[in-house]
Amino acid sequence: MGHALLFYLFSAILISSAVTVIVARNTVYSVLFLILSFLNAAGLFILLGAELIAMTLIIVYVGAVAVLFLFVVMMLDVTIKNMTEGRAKYGFVGFLLGVVFAIELGLVCWYWKAPSAQTAVLQTPVNTSVSNAHALGLVLYTDYFLIFQLAGLILLVAMIGAIVLTLRRRPGVRRQKTNQQLQRQASQTVELKNVESGKGIRL
């Protein structure tokens, strides 16, 4: 009874907060409700016994992605006027795409059937001798080891590319010289002047 009550509670808050993300007029409120959606989704994963996925959802999406979205939105200072400028121009196209997406999602839910192999796996009891993280690690580093390493290599290349683009030399841009700052002495930075009373300093 308690498990079902928590499930309906998390599900109701998740659905309502997800809808609020779309209909909220303030972008900051949308990001905050997105964080609430992630937290409730993590609660559902905990109820399913997938505590590793729940912690990953909180740490990665809430702790990094959603907070980054919030900072970007606050720095851009997006107003309601800027948000509604292209509504009349692209509103019909967006509505048409939404209808198509809803129809496709409905067809998938209507005609989808679980394969027999997946049904057999769901009917078997969970192996309690290993933890969730251990079982997931066995799958990633055995059956999907090559794909997992390729994904990490792609992310590494993307990170190096972002660093190279940021550190490129451009004329007219002042850059920080760390070595000169570390080797600079106090005499090179501060100059003491003996100012007489009633007189100033000519720069």
Protein backbone atom coordinates (compact mmCIF):
# COMPACT_ATOMS: atom_id res chain seq x y z
CA MET A 1 0.00 0.00 0.00
CA GLY A 2 2.79 2.42 0.91
CA HIS A 3 4.73 1.53 -2.26
CA ALA A 4 1.70 2.25 -4.46
CA LEU A 5 0.99 5.50 -2.61
CA LEU A 6 4.55 6.74 -3.18
CA PHE A 7 4.34 5.72 -6.84
CA TYR A 8 1.16 7.72 -7.44
CA LEU A 9 2.55 10.67 -5.46
CA PHE A 10 5.81 10.82 -7.43
CA SER A 11 3.97 10.27 -10.72
CA ALA A 12 1.43 13.02 -10.09
CA ILE A 13 4.10 15.55 -9.12
CA LEU A 14 6.25 14.49 -12.09
CA ILE A 15 3.45 14.93 -14.63
CA SER A 16 2.26 18.24 -13.18
CA SER A 17 5.78 19.68 -13.00
CA ALA A 18 6.54 18.51 -16.56
CA VAL A 19 3.43 20.29 -17.81
CA THR A 20 4.40 23.40 -15.86
CA VAL A 21 7.82 23.40 -17.56
CA ILE A 22 6.04 23.87 -20.89
CA VAL A 23 3.28 26.30 -19.92
CA ALA A 24 5.24 28.52 -17.49
CA ARG A 25 5.68 32.07 -18.79
CA ASN A 26 8.89 32.65 -16.84
CA THR A 27 11.90 30.66 -18.04
CA VAL A 28 13.46 30.58 -14.57
CA TYR A 29 10.31 28.90 -13.22
CA SER A 30 10.49 26.42 -16.09
CA VAL A 31 14.01 25.38 -15.12
CA LEU A 32 13.04 25.08 -11.45
CA PHE A 33 10.09 22.85 -12.32
CA LEU A 34 12.42 20.84 -14.57
CA ILE A 35 14.63 20.18 -11.55
CA LEU A 36 11.52 19.10 -9.62
CA SER A 37 10.65 16.71 -12.45
CA PHE A 38 14.12 15.16 -12.32
CA LEU A 39 13.88 14.67 -8.55
CA ASN A 40 10.52 12.92 -8.80
CA ALA A 41 11.78 10.75 -11.65
CA ALA A 42 14.69 9.77 -9.41
CA GLY A 43 12.16 8.82 -6.72
CA LEU A 44 10.40 6.52 -9.20
CA PHE A 45 13.71 4.87 -10.10
CA ILE A 46 14.38 4.26 -6.41
CA LEU A 47 10.99 2.58 -6.10
CA LEU A 48 11.96 0.34 -9.03
CA GLY A 49 15.19 -0.64 -7.29
CA ALA A 50 17.44 1.26 -9.71
CA GLU A 51 19.22 3.40 -7.15
CA LEU A 52 22.28 3.91 -9.36
CA ILE A 53 20.19 5.43 -12.18
CA ALA A 54 18.40 7.61 -9.62
CA MET A 55 21.66 8.95 -8.22
CA THR A 56 23.00 9.50 -11.74
CA LEU A 57 19.86 11.44 -12.62
CA ILE A 58 20.26 13.67 -9.57
CA ILE A 59 24.02 14.20 -9.86
CA VAL A 60 24.29 14.63 -13.64
CA TYR A 61 21.00 16.21 -14.68
CA VAL A 62 20.01 18.14 -11.56
CA GLY A 63 23.50 18.96 -10.34
CA ALA A 64 24.98 19.90 -13.71
CA VAL A 65 22.62 20.20 -16.66
CA ALA A 66 19.61 21.84 -14.98
CA VAL A 67 21.76 24.22 -12.94
CA LEU A 68 23.64 25.16 -16.12
CA PHE A 69 20.31 25.85 -17.82
CA LEU A 70 19.34 28.07 -14.89
CA PHE A 71 22.57 30.07 -15.07
CA VAL A 72 22.27 30.51 -18.84
CA VAL A 73 18.65 31.66 -18.56
CA MET A 74 19.51 34.14 -15.82
CA MET A 75 22.45 35.53 -17.79
CA LEU A 76 20.50 35.88 -21.05
CA ASP A 77 17.68 37.77 -19.31
CA VAL A 78 14.99 36.35 -21.58
CA THR A 79 11.77 38.35 -21.29
CA ILE A 80 8.23 37.38 -22.16
CA LYS A 81 8.29 39.83 -25.08
CA ASN A 82 11.27 38.07 -26.62
CA MET A 83 9.62 34.70 -26.16
CA THR A 84 6.38 35.70 -27.86
CA GLU A 85 7.91 37.48 -30.86
CA GLY A 86 7.96 34.40 -33.10
CA ARG A 87 4.82 32.77 -31.77
CA ALA A 88 2.57 34.10 -34.52
CA LYS A 89 5.09 33.20 -37.20
CA TYR A 90 5.99 29.68 -36.06
CA GLY A 91 2.96 28.82 -33.92
CA PHE A 92 1.13 26.83 -36.61
CA VAL A 93 4.27 24.86 -37.51
CA GLY A 94 4.90 24.04 -33.86
CA PHE A 95 1.31 22.97 -33.35
CA LEU A 96 1.45 20.76 -36.46
CA LEU A 97 4.68 19.10 -35.30
CA GLY A 98 3.17 18.54 -31.86
CA VAL A 99 0.12 16.81 -33.36
CA VAL A 100 2.33 14.59 -35.55
CA PHE A 101 4.49 13.68 -32.58
CA ALA A 102 1.43 12.86 -30.45
CA ILE A 103 0.02 10.61 -33.21
CA GLU A 104 3.34 8.78 -33.60
CA LEU A 105 3.62 8.28 -29.84
CA GLY A 106 0.07 6.97 -29.69
CA LEU A 107 0.72 4.50 -32.52
CA VAL A 108 3.85 3.24 -30.80
CA CYS A 109 2.00 2.70 -27.52
CA TRP A 110 -0.92 1.02 -29.30
CA TYR A 111 1.00 -1.44 -31.47
CA TRP A 112 4.02 -2.12 -29.27
CA LYS A 113 4.33 -5.61 -27.81
CA ALA A 114 7.01 -6.83 -25.48
CA PRO A 115 9.21 -9.54 -27.04
CA SER A 116 9.10 -12.99 -25.54
CA ALA A 117 12.72 -12.83 -24.40
CA GLN A 118 12.09 -9.60 -22.49
CA THR A 119 8.96 -11.07 -20.91
CA ALA A 120 10.95 -14.08 -19.75
CA VAL A 121 13.58 -11.82 -18.20
CA LEU A 122 10.94 -9.77 -16.37
CA GLN A 123 9.37 -12.92 -14.94
CA THR A 124 12.64 -14.14 -13.42
CA PRO A 125 13.40 -13.02 -9.86
CA VAL A 126 16.05 -10.36 -9.30
CA ASN A 127 19.47 -11.67 -8.32
CA THR A 128 20.03 -10.23 -4.86
CA SER A 129 23.61 -11.53 -4.58
CA VAL A 130 24.99 -8.51 -6.46
CA SER A 131 24.09 -4.86 -6.18
CA ASN A 132 22.53 -2.76 -8.89
CA ALA A 133 25.79 -0.94 -9.64
CA HIS A 134 27.69 -4.24 -9.78
CA ALA A 135 25.21 -5.78 -12.22
CA LEU A 136 25.25 -2.69 -14.44
CA GLY A 137 29.05 -2.64 -14.41
CA LEU A 138 29.18 -6.30 -15.45
CA VAL A 139 27.00 -5.55 -18.46
CA LEU A 140 28.85 -2.38 -19.49
CA TYR A 141 32.36 -3.79 -19.17
CA THR A 142 31.64 -7.18 -20.76
CA ASP A 143 28.90 -7.17 -23.41
CA TYR A 144 29.07 -3.45 -24.28
CA PHE A 145 32.72 -2.73 -23.46
CA LEU A 146 33.67 -1.56 -26.99
CA ILE A 147 30.61 0.68 -27.36
CA PHE A 148 31.17 2.14 -23.88
CA GLN A 149 34.80 2.97 -24.66
CA LEU A 150 33.88 4.47 -28.04
CA ALA A 151 31.32 6.72 -26.35
CA GLY A 152 33.97 7.89 -23.89
CA LEU A 153 36.40 8.52 -26.76
CA ILE A 154 33.82 10.63 -28.61
CA LEU A 155 33.21 12.71 -25.47
CA LEU A 156 36.97 13.13 -25.02
CA VAL A 157 37.38 14.36 -28.61
CA ALA A 158 34.49 16.79 -28.13
CA MET A 159 36.06 18.13 -24.93
CA ILE A 160 39.46 18.60 -26.60
CA GLY A 161 37.76 20.35 -29.53
CA ALA A 162 35.97 22.75 -27.20
CA ILE A 163 39.24 23.56 -25.42
CA VAL A 164 41.07 24.14 -28.72
CA LEU A 165 38.34 26.47 -29.97
CA THR A 166 38.44 28.41 -26.72
CA LEU A 167 42.22 28.77 -26.59
CA ARG A 168 42.75 29.85 -30.20
CA ARG A 169 44.85 32.96 -30.74
CA ARG A 170 42.93 35.99 -31.94
CA PRO A 171 44.40 39.43 -32.61
CA GLY A 172 43.34 42.24 -30.35
CA VAL A 173 42.31 39.99 -27.46
CA ARG A 174 44.16 40.42 -24.16
CA ARG A 175 45.11 37.13 -22.54
CA GLN A 176 46.15 36.31 -19.03
CA LYS A 177 49.88 35.67 -18.60
CA THR A 178 50.07 33.35 -15.62
CA ASN A 179 53.88 33.03 -15.47
CA GLN A 180 54.40 36.79 -15.30
CA GLN A 181 51.76 37.14 -12.61
CA LEU A 182 53.33 34.43 -10.45
CA GLN A 183 56.86 35.80 -10.83
CA ARG A 184 55.89 39.43 -10.23
CA GLN A 185 57.27 41.03 -7.09
CA ALA A 186 55.55 43.52 -4.79
CA SER A 187 57.91 46.27 -5.93
CA GLN A 188 56.67 45.84 -9.50
CA THR A 189 53.05 46.14 -8.49
CA VAL A 190 52.80 48.73 -5.72
CA GLU A 191 54.54 52.07 -5.72
CA LEU A 192 54.60 54.10 -2.51
CA LYS A 193 54.38 57.91 -2.77
CA ASN A 194 55.13 60.36 0.01
CA VAL A 195 52.39 62.92 -0.48
CA GLU A 196 52.81 66.19 1.29
CA SER A 197 49.90 67.70 3.15
CA GLY A 198 47.71 69.87 0.93
CA LYS A 199 49.27 68.66 -2.31
CA GLY A 200 48.20 65.97 -4.72
CA ILE A 201 49.93 63.63 -7.13
CA ARG A 202 50.26 64.31 -10.81
CA LEU A 203 49.79 61.06 -12.78
